[in-house]
Amino acid sequence: MRAWLTLLGPVLFLAAAVNLAAAPPQAAKPVEKVVVRPATYTSYRAMGSIRIDGKLDEPDWQHAPLSTPYVDIVTGKPAWYDTRVSILWDDKYLYFGIRAEERDVRATLTGHDSPDLR
């Protein structure tokens, strides 16, 4: 019985190889081309000081325009959750304020600039 099973493996392999070689080649399906034009955004100068505290409660943030909604980088379709950015600048820094709608936000690192080494 064992000898019979030992021979069956190579025979099945050869049969599959012959079948693949005899199959007519299939034409490749064209890949759908997705054209996404880069979004533009105008950043305004911050008139007051901006605190880096995770809150966008300074008056400058209230007047900074929101970007268009983010899209999926592969498909170009809208992201699952509404995510937008506002950008401000001053003489020293460029500030990004991200507004992300997310239902399940969790954080395990609570220190400023904590490395994520998991």
N, C-alpha and C. Protein backbone atom coordinates (compact mmCIF):
# COMPACT_ATOMS: atom_id res chain seq x y z
N MET A 1 0.82 -1.19 0.00
CA MET A 1 0.00 0.00 0.00
C MET A 1 0.87 1.25 0.00
N ARG A 2 1.93 1.23 0.83
CA ARG A 2 2.81 2.39 0.92
C ARG A 2 3.51 2.67 -0.40
N ALA A 3 3.97 1.63 -1.09
CA ALA A 3 4.63 1.80 -2.39
C ALA A 3 3.67 2.40 -3.40
N TRP A 4 2.42 1.97 -3.36
CA TRP A 4 1.40 2.50 -4.27
C TRP A 4 1.19 3.99 -4.03
N LEU A 5 1.12 4.44 -2.76
CA LEU A 5 0.97 5.86 -2.43
C LEU A 5 2.21 6.65 -2.82
N THR A 6 3.39 6.04 -2.69
CA THR A 6 4.63 6.71 -3.06
C THR A 6 4.66 6.99 -4.55
N LEU A 7 4.13 6.10 -5.37
CA LEU A 7 4.08 6.31 -6.81
C LEU A 7 2.96 7.26 -7.22
N LEU A 8 1.90 7.31 -6.44
CA LEU A 8 0.75 8.12 -6.80
C LEU A 8 1.08 9.62 -6.79
N GLY A 9 1.90 10.05 -5.86
CA GLY A 9 2.26 11.48 -5.76
C GLY A 9 2.91 12.00 -7.03
N PRO A 10 4.01 11.39 -7.51
CA PRO A 10 4.65 11.86 -8.74
C PRO A 10 3.75 11.74 -9.96
N VAL A 11 2.91 10.70 -10.01
CA VAL A 11 2.02 10.54 -11.16
C VAL A 11 1.01 11.68 -11.19
N LEU A 12 0.43 12.03 -10.05
CA LEU A 12 -0.52 13.14 -9.99
C LEU A 12 0.16 14.46 -10.35
N PHE A 13 1.38 14.64 -9.88
CA PHE A 13 2.12 15.86 -10.20
C PHE A 13 2.34 15.98 -11.70
N LEU A 14 2.77 14.89 -12.35
CA LEU A 14 2.99 14.90 -13.80
C LEU A 14 1.69 15.14 -14.55
N ALA A 15 0.60 14.56 -14.09
CA ALA A 15 -0.69 14.74 -14.75
C ALA A 15 -1.11 16.21 -14.67
N ALA A 16 -0.91 16.81 -13.54
CA ALA A 16 -1.26 18.23 -13.37
C ALA A 16 -0.38 19.09 -14.26
N ALA A 17 0.91 18.77 -14.34
CA ALA A 17 1.83 19.56 -15.16
C ALA A 17 1.46 19.45 -16.64
N VAL A 18 1.12 18.27 -17.09
CA VAL A 18 0.72 18.08 -18.49
C VAL A 18 -0.57 18.85 -18.77
N ASN A 19 -1.50 18.81 -17.83
CA ASN A 19 -2.77 19.51 -17.99
C ASN A 19 -2.55 21.02 -18.08
N LEU A 20 -1.67 21.56 -17.25
CA LEU A 20 -1.38 22.99 -17.28
C LEU A 20 -0.69 23.39 -18.59
N ALA A 21 0.22 22.52 -19.06
CA ALA A 21 0.93 22.82 -20.29
C ALA A 21 -0.01 22.79 -21.49
N ALA A 22 -1.04 21.93 -21.44
CA ALA A 22 -1.96 21.81 -22.55
C ALA A 22 -3.04 22.90 -22.54
N ALA A 23 -3.24 23.56 -21.40
CA ALA A 23 -4.28 24.59 -21.30
C ALA A 23 -3.89 25.79 -22.14
N PRO A 24 -4.85 26.35 -22.90
CA PRO A 24 -4.52 27.53 -23.70
C PRO A 24 -4.25 28.73 -22.79
N PRO A 25 -3.30 29.57 -23.18
CA PRO A 25 -3.00 30.74 -22.34
C PRO A 25 -4.21 31.69 -22.32
N GLN A 26 -4.45 32.25 -21.15
CA GLN A 26 -5.56 33.19 -21.00
C GLN A 26 -5.02 34.60 -21.10
N ALA A 27 -5.79 35.43 -21.77
CA ALA A 27 -5.38 36.84 -21.89
C ALA A 27 -5.47 37.51 -20.53
N ALA A 28 -4.48 38.32 -20.24
CA ALA A 28 -4.48 39.04 -18.96
C ALA A 28 -5.59 40.07 -18.97
N LYS A 29 -6.28 40.17 -17.83
CA LYS A 29 -7.35 41.15 -17.71
C LYS A 29 -6.72 42.52 -17.50
N PRO A 30 -7.25 43.53 -18.17
CA PRO A 30 -6.69 44.87 -17.98
C PRO A 30 -6.91 45.36 -16.56
N VAL A 31 -5.92 46.03 -16.03
CA VAL A 31 -6.00 46.60 -14.69
C VAL A 31 -6.72 47.93 -14.78
N GLU A 32 -7.69 48.11 -13.89
CA GLU A 32 -8.43 49.37 -13.88
C GLU A 32 -7.51 50.49 -13.41
N LYS A 33 -7.41 51.53 -14.20
CA LYS A 33 -6.54 52.65 -13.86
C LYS A 33 -7.34 53.66 -13.03
N VAL A 34 -6.81 53.98 -11.87
CA VAL A 34 -7.46 54.95 -10.99
C VAL A 34 -6.62 56.22 -11.02
N VAL A 35 -7.22 57.30 -11.44
CA VAL A 35 -6.52 58.57 -11.50
C VAL A 35 -7.01 59.44 -10.36
N VAL A 36 -6.10 59.79 -9.49
CA VAL A 36 -6.43 60.65 -8.36
C VAL A 36 -5.56 61.89 -8.45
N ARG A 37 -6.18 63.01 -8.61
CA ARG A 37 -5.41 64.26 -8.67
C ARG A 37 -5.07 64.71 -7.26
N PRO A 38 -3.86 65.19 -7.05
CA PRO A 38 -3.48 65.67 -5.72
C PRO A 38 -4.39 66.82 -5.28
N ALA A 39 -4.76 66.79 -4.04
CA ALA A 39 -5.58 67.87 -3.49
C ALA A 39 -4.70 69.09 -3.24
N THR A 40 -5.30 70.25 -3.27
CA THR A 40 -4.58 71.48 -2.93
C THR A 40 -5.17 72.05 -1.65
N TYR A 41 -4.36 72.82 -0.95
CA TYR A 41 -4.79 73.40 0.32
C TYR A 41 -4.01 74.67 0.55
N THR A 42 -4.67 75.69 1.06
CA THR A 42 -4.00 76.94 1.40
C THR A 42 -3.86 77.01 2.91
N SER A 43 -2.65 77.16 3.39
CA SER A 43 -2.36 77.25 4.82
C SER A 43 -2.24 78.72 5.21
N TYR A 44 -2.83 79.07 6.35
CA TYR A 44 -2.79 80.45 6.82
C TYR A 44 -1.85 80.60 8.01
N ARG A 45 -1.37 81.80 8.18
CA ARG A 45 -0.48 82.13 9.29
C ARG A 45 -1.26 82.18 10.59
N ALA A 46 -0.70 81.58 11.63
CA ALA A 46 -1.32 81.63 12.96
C ALA A 46 -1.09 83.02 13.54
N MET A 47 -2.14 83.63 13.99
CA MET A 47 -2.04 84.97 14.58
C MET A 47 -1.68 84.92 16.06
N GLY A 48 -2.07 83.85 16.73
CA GLY A 48 -1.75 83.68 18.14
C GLY A 48 -0.84 82.49 18.34
N SER A 49 -0.56 82.19 19.61
CA SER A 49 0.30 81.04 19.89
C SER A 49 -0.53 79.75 19.79
N ILE A 50 0.13 78.71 19.36
CA ILE A 50 -0.50 77.40 19.22
C ILE A 50 0.11 76.47 20.26
N ARG A 51 -0.74 75.89 21.11
CA ARG A 51 -0.29 74.92 22.11
C ARG A 51 -0.34 73.53 21.49
N ILE A 52 0.70 72.76 21.70
CA ILE A 52 0.73 71.37 21.22
C ILE A 52 0.20 70.51 22.37
N ASP A 53 -1.13 70.35 22.39
CA ASP A 53 -1.76 69.62 23.49
C ASP A 53 -2.83 68.63 23.00
N GLY A 54 -2.94 68.47 21.69
CA GLY A 54 -3.93 67.55 21.16
C GLY A 54 -5.31 68.16 21.04
N LYS A 55 -5.49 69.38 21.48
CA LYS A 55 -6.78 70.06 21.38
C LYS A 55 -6.66 71.15 20.32
N LEU A 56 -7.66 71.30 19.53
CA LEU A 56 -7.65 72.34 18.50
C LEU A 56 -8.61 73.45 18.93
N ASP A 57 -8.36 74.01 20.12
CA ASP A 57 -9.30 74.97 20.68
C ASP A 57 -8.83 76.43 20.58
N GLU A 58 -7.65 76.68 20.01
CA GLU A 58 -7.22 78.06 19.81
C GLU A 58 -8.06 78.70 18.70
N PRO A 59 -8.27 80.02 18.76
CA PRO A 59 -9.08 80.69 17.74
C PRO A 59 -8.56 80.48 16.32
N ASP A 60 -7.26 80.37 16.13
CA ASP A 60 -6.72 80.16 14.78
C ASP A 60 -7.23 78.86 14.16
N TRP A 61 -7.38 77.81 14.97
CA TRP A 61 -7.89 76.55 14.44
C TRP A 61 -9.35 76.68 14.00
N GLN A 62 -10.09 77.53 14.70
CA GLN A 62 -11.50 77.71 14.34
C GLN A 62 -11.64 78.38 12.97
N HIS A 63 -10.64 79.17 12.57
CA HIS A 63 -10.70 79.88 11.29
C HIS A 63 -9.93 79.19 10.17
N ALA A 64 -9.14 78.19 10.52
CA ALA A 64 -8.36 77.47 9.51
C ALA A 64 -9.30 76.56 8.71
N PRO A 65 -9.23 76.61 7.39
CA PRO A 65 -10.12 75.76 6.60
C PRO A 65 -9.76 74.27 6.75
N LEU A 66 -10.77 73.43 6.62
CA LEU A 66 -10.55 71.99 6.63
C LEU A 66 -10.21 71.52 5.22
N SER A 67 -9.37 70.52 5.14
CA SER A 67 -9.06 69.92 3.83
C SER A 67 -10.28 69.15 3.33
N THR A 68 -10.20 68.71 2.12
CA THR A 68 -11.23 67.79 1.62
C THR A 68 -11.08 66.48 2.39
N PRO A 69 -12.12 65.68 2.44
CA PRO A 69 -12.02 64.40 3.17
C PRO A 69 -10.93 63.51 2.58
N TYR A 70 -10.26 62.78 3.44
CA TYR A 70 -9.26 61.82 3.00
C TYR A 70 -9.93 60.73 2.17
N VAL A 71 -9.15 60.14 1.26
CA VAL A 71 -9.63 59.02 0.45
C VAL A 71 -8.68 57.85 0.62
N ASP A 72 -9.15 56.68 0.26
CA ASP A 72 -8.32 55.48 0.28
C ASP A 72 -7.21 55.64 -0.75
N ILE A 73 -5.98 55.41 -0.35
CA ILE A 73 -4.84 55.66 -1.23
C ILE A 73 -4.78 54.68 -2.40
N VAL A 74 -5.38 53.51 -2.26
CA VAL A 74 -5.35 52.52 -3.33
C VAL A 74 -6.51 52.70 -4.30
N THR A 75 -7.72 52.86 -3.76
CA THR A 75 -8.90 52.89 -4.62
C THR A 75 -9.36 54.29 -4.99
N GLY A 76 -8.99 55.29 -4.19
CA GLY A 76 -9.47 56.64 -4.43
C GLY A 76 -10.88 56.87 -3.90
N LYS A 77 -11.46 55.85 -3.30
CA LYS A 77 -12.80 55.97 -2.73
C LYS A 77 -12.74 56.64 -1.37
N PRO A 78 -13.86 57.22 -0.91
CA PRO A 78 -13.85 57.87 0.41
C PRO A 78 -13.41 56.91 1.51
N ALA A 79 -12.68 57.45 2.49
CA ALA A 79 -12.25 56.65 3.64
C ALA A 79 -13.47 56.25 4.46
N TRP A 80 -13.31 55.22 5.28
CA TRP A 80 -14.44 54.75 6.09
C TRP A 80 -14.93 55.83 7.03
N TYR A 81 -14.01 56.56 7.62
CA TYR A 81 -14.37 57.60 8.59
C TYR A 81 -13.90 58.94 8.07
N ASP A 82 -14.64 59.97 8.40
CA ASP A 82 -14.29 61.31 7.95
C ASP A 82 -13.00 61.77 8.64
N THR A 83 -11.97 62.03 7.86
CA THR A 83 -10.69 62.51 8.37
C THR A 83 -10.27 63.69 7.52
N ARG A 84 -9.93 64.78 8.19
CA ARG A 84 -9.52 66.01 7.50
C ARG A 84 -8.39 66.66 8.28
N VAL A 85 -7.69 67.57 7.62
CA VAL A 85 -6.57 68.27 8.25
C VAL A 85 -6.75 69.77 8.07
N SER A 86 -6.27 70.51 9.05
CA SER A 86 -6.11 71.96 8.94
C SER A 86 -4.64 72.24 9.17
N ILE A 87 -4.11 73.23 8.46
CA ILE A 87 -2.68 73.53 8.56
C ILE A 87 -2.50 75.02 8.85
N LEU A 88 -1.64 75.30 9.81
CA LEU A 88 -1.27 76.68 10.16
C LEU A 88 0.25 76.77 10.18
N TRP A 89 0.77 77.99 10.13
CA TRP A 89 2.22 78.17 10.21
C TRP A 89 2.51 79.47 10.94
N ASP A 90 3.72 79.56 11.47
CA ASP A 90 4.24 80.82 12.02
C ASP A 90 5.71 80.91 11.62
N ASP A 91 6.46 81.81 12.23
CA ASP A 91 7.86 82.01 11.84
C ASP A 91 8.76 80.80 12.14
N LYS A 92 8.33 79.93 13.06
CA LYS A 92 9.17 78.80 13.46
C LYS A 92 8.64 77.43 13.04
N TYR A 93 7.32 77.29 12.97
CA TYR A 93 6.75 75.95 12.83
C TYR A 93 5.64 75.89 11.78
N LEU A 94 5.39 74.64 11.36
CA LEU A 94 4.25 74.31 10.53
C LEU A 94 3.39 73.37 11.38
N TYR A 95 2.12 73.72 11.59
CA TYR A 95 1.23 72.97 12.49
C TYR A 95 0.19 72.21 11.68
N PHE A 96 -0.02 70.96 12.04
CA PHE A 96 -1.06 70.14 11.42
C PHE A 96 -2.09 69.78 12.48
N GLY A 97 -3.32 70.12 12.25
CA GLY A 97 -4.42 69.75 13.15
C GLY A 97 -5.28 68.71 12.45
N ILE A 98 -5.25 67.49 12.92
CA ILE A 98 -6.00 66.40 12.29
C ILE A 98 -7.32 66.23 13.03
N ARG A 99 -8.39 66.21 12.26
CA ARG A 99 -9.72 65.91 12.81
C ARG A 99 -10.13 64.57 12.23
N ALA A 100 -10.12 63.56 13.06
CA ALA A 100 -10.41 62.20 12.61
C ALA A 100 -11.62 61.65 13.34
N GLU A 101 -12.61 61.24 12.57
CA GLU A 101 -13.79 60.61 13.14
C GLU A 101 -13.47 59.13 13.25
N GLU A 102 -13.40 58.63 14.44
CA GLU A 102 -13.05 57.22 14.66
C GLU A 102 -13.87 56.73 15.84
N ARG A 103 -14.45 55.54 15.71
CA ARG A 103 -15.32 55.02 16.75
C ARG A 103 -14.57 54.30 17.86
N ASP A 104 -13.39 53.81 17.59
CA ASP A 104 -12.69 52.97 18.55
C ASP A 104 -11.25 53.45 18.72
N VAL A 105 -11.06 54.52 19.45
CA VAL A 105 -9.72 55.08 19.66
C VAL A 105 -9.19 54.56 20.99
N ARG A 106 -7.97 54.03 20.94
CA ARG A 106 -7.33 53.51 22.16
C ARG A 106 -5.88 54.00 22.18
N ALA A 107 -5.36 54.17 23.38
CA ALA A 107 -3.97 54.56 23.53
C ALA A 107 -3.38 53.84 24.73
N THR A 108 -2.18 53.29 24.54
CA THR A 108 -1.50 52.65 25.67
C THR A 108 -0.26 53.45 26.07
N LEU A 109 0.25 54.26 25.17
CA LEU A 109 1.42 55.09 25.47
C LEU A 109 0.92 56.49 25.83
N THR A 110 1.28 56.97 27.00
CA THR A 110 0.75 58.24 27.44
C THR A 110 1.82 59.32 27.59
N GLY A 111 3.09 58.96 27.48
CA GLY A 111 4.16 59.94 27.61
C GLY A 111 4.40 60.67 26.29
N HIS A 112 4.83 61.91 26.38
CA HIS A 112 5.13 62.71 25.19
C HIS A 112 6.25 62.03 24.40
N ASP A 113 6.05 61.81 23.10
CA ASP A 113 7.01 61.18 22.20
C ASP A 113 7.41 59.77 22.65
N SER A 114 6.47 59.04 23.25
CA SER A 114 6.75 57.66 23.66
C SER A 114 6.97 56.80 22.43
N PRO A 115 8.00 55.96 22.45
CA PRO A 115 8.21 55.08 21.28
C PRO A 115 7.23 53.92 21.32
N ASP A 116 6.80 53.49 20.17
CA ASP A 116 5.93 52.33 20.06
C ASP A 116 6.80 51.16 19.61
N LEU A 117 7.23 50.35 20.55
CA LEU A 117 8.17 49.27 20.26
C LEU A 117 7.53 47.91 20.33
N ARG A 118 6.21 47.84 20.22
CA ARG A 118 5.55 46.54 20.30
C ARG A 118 5.66 45.81 19.01
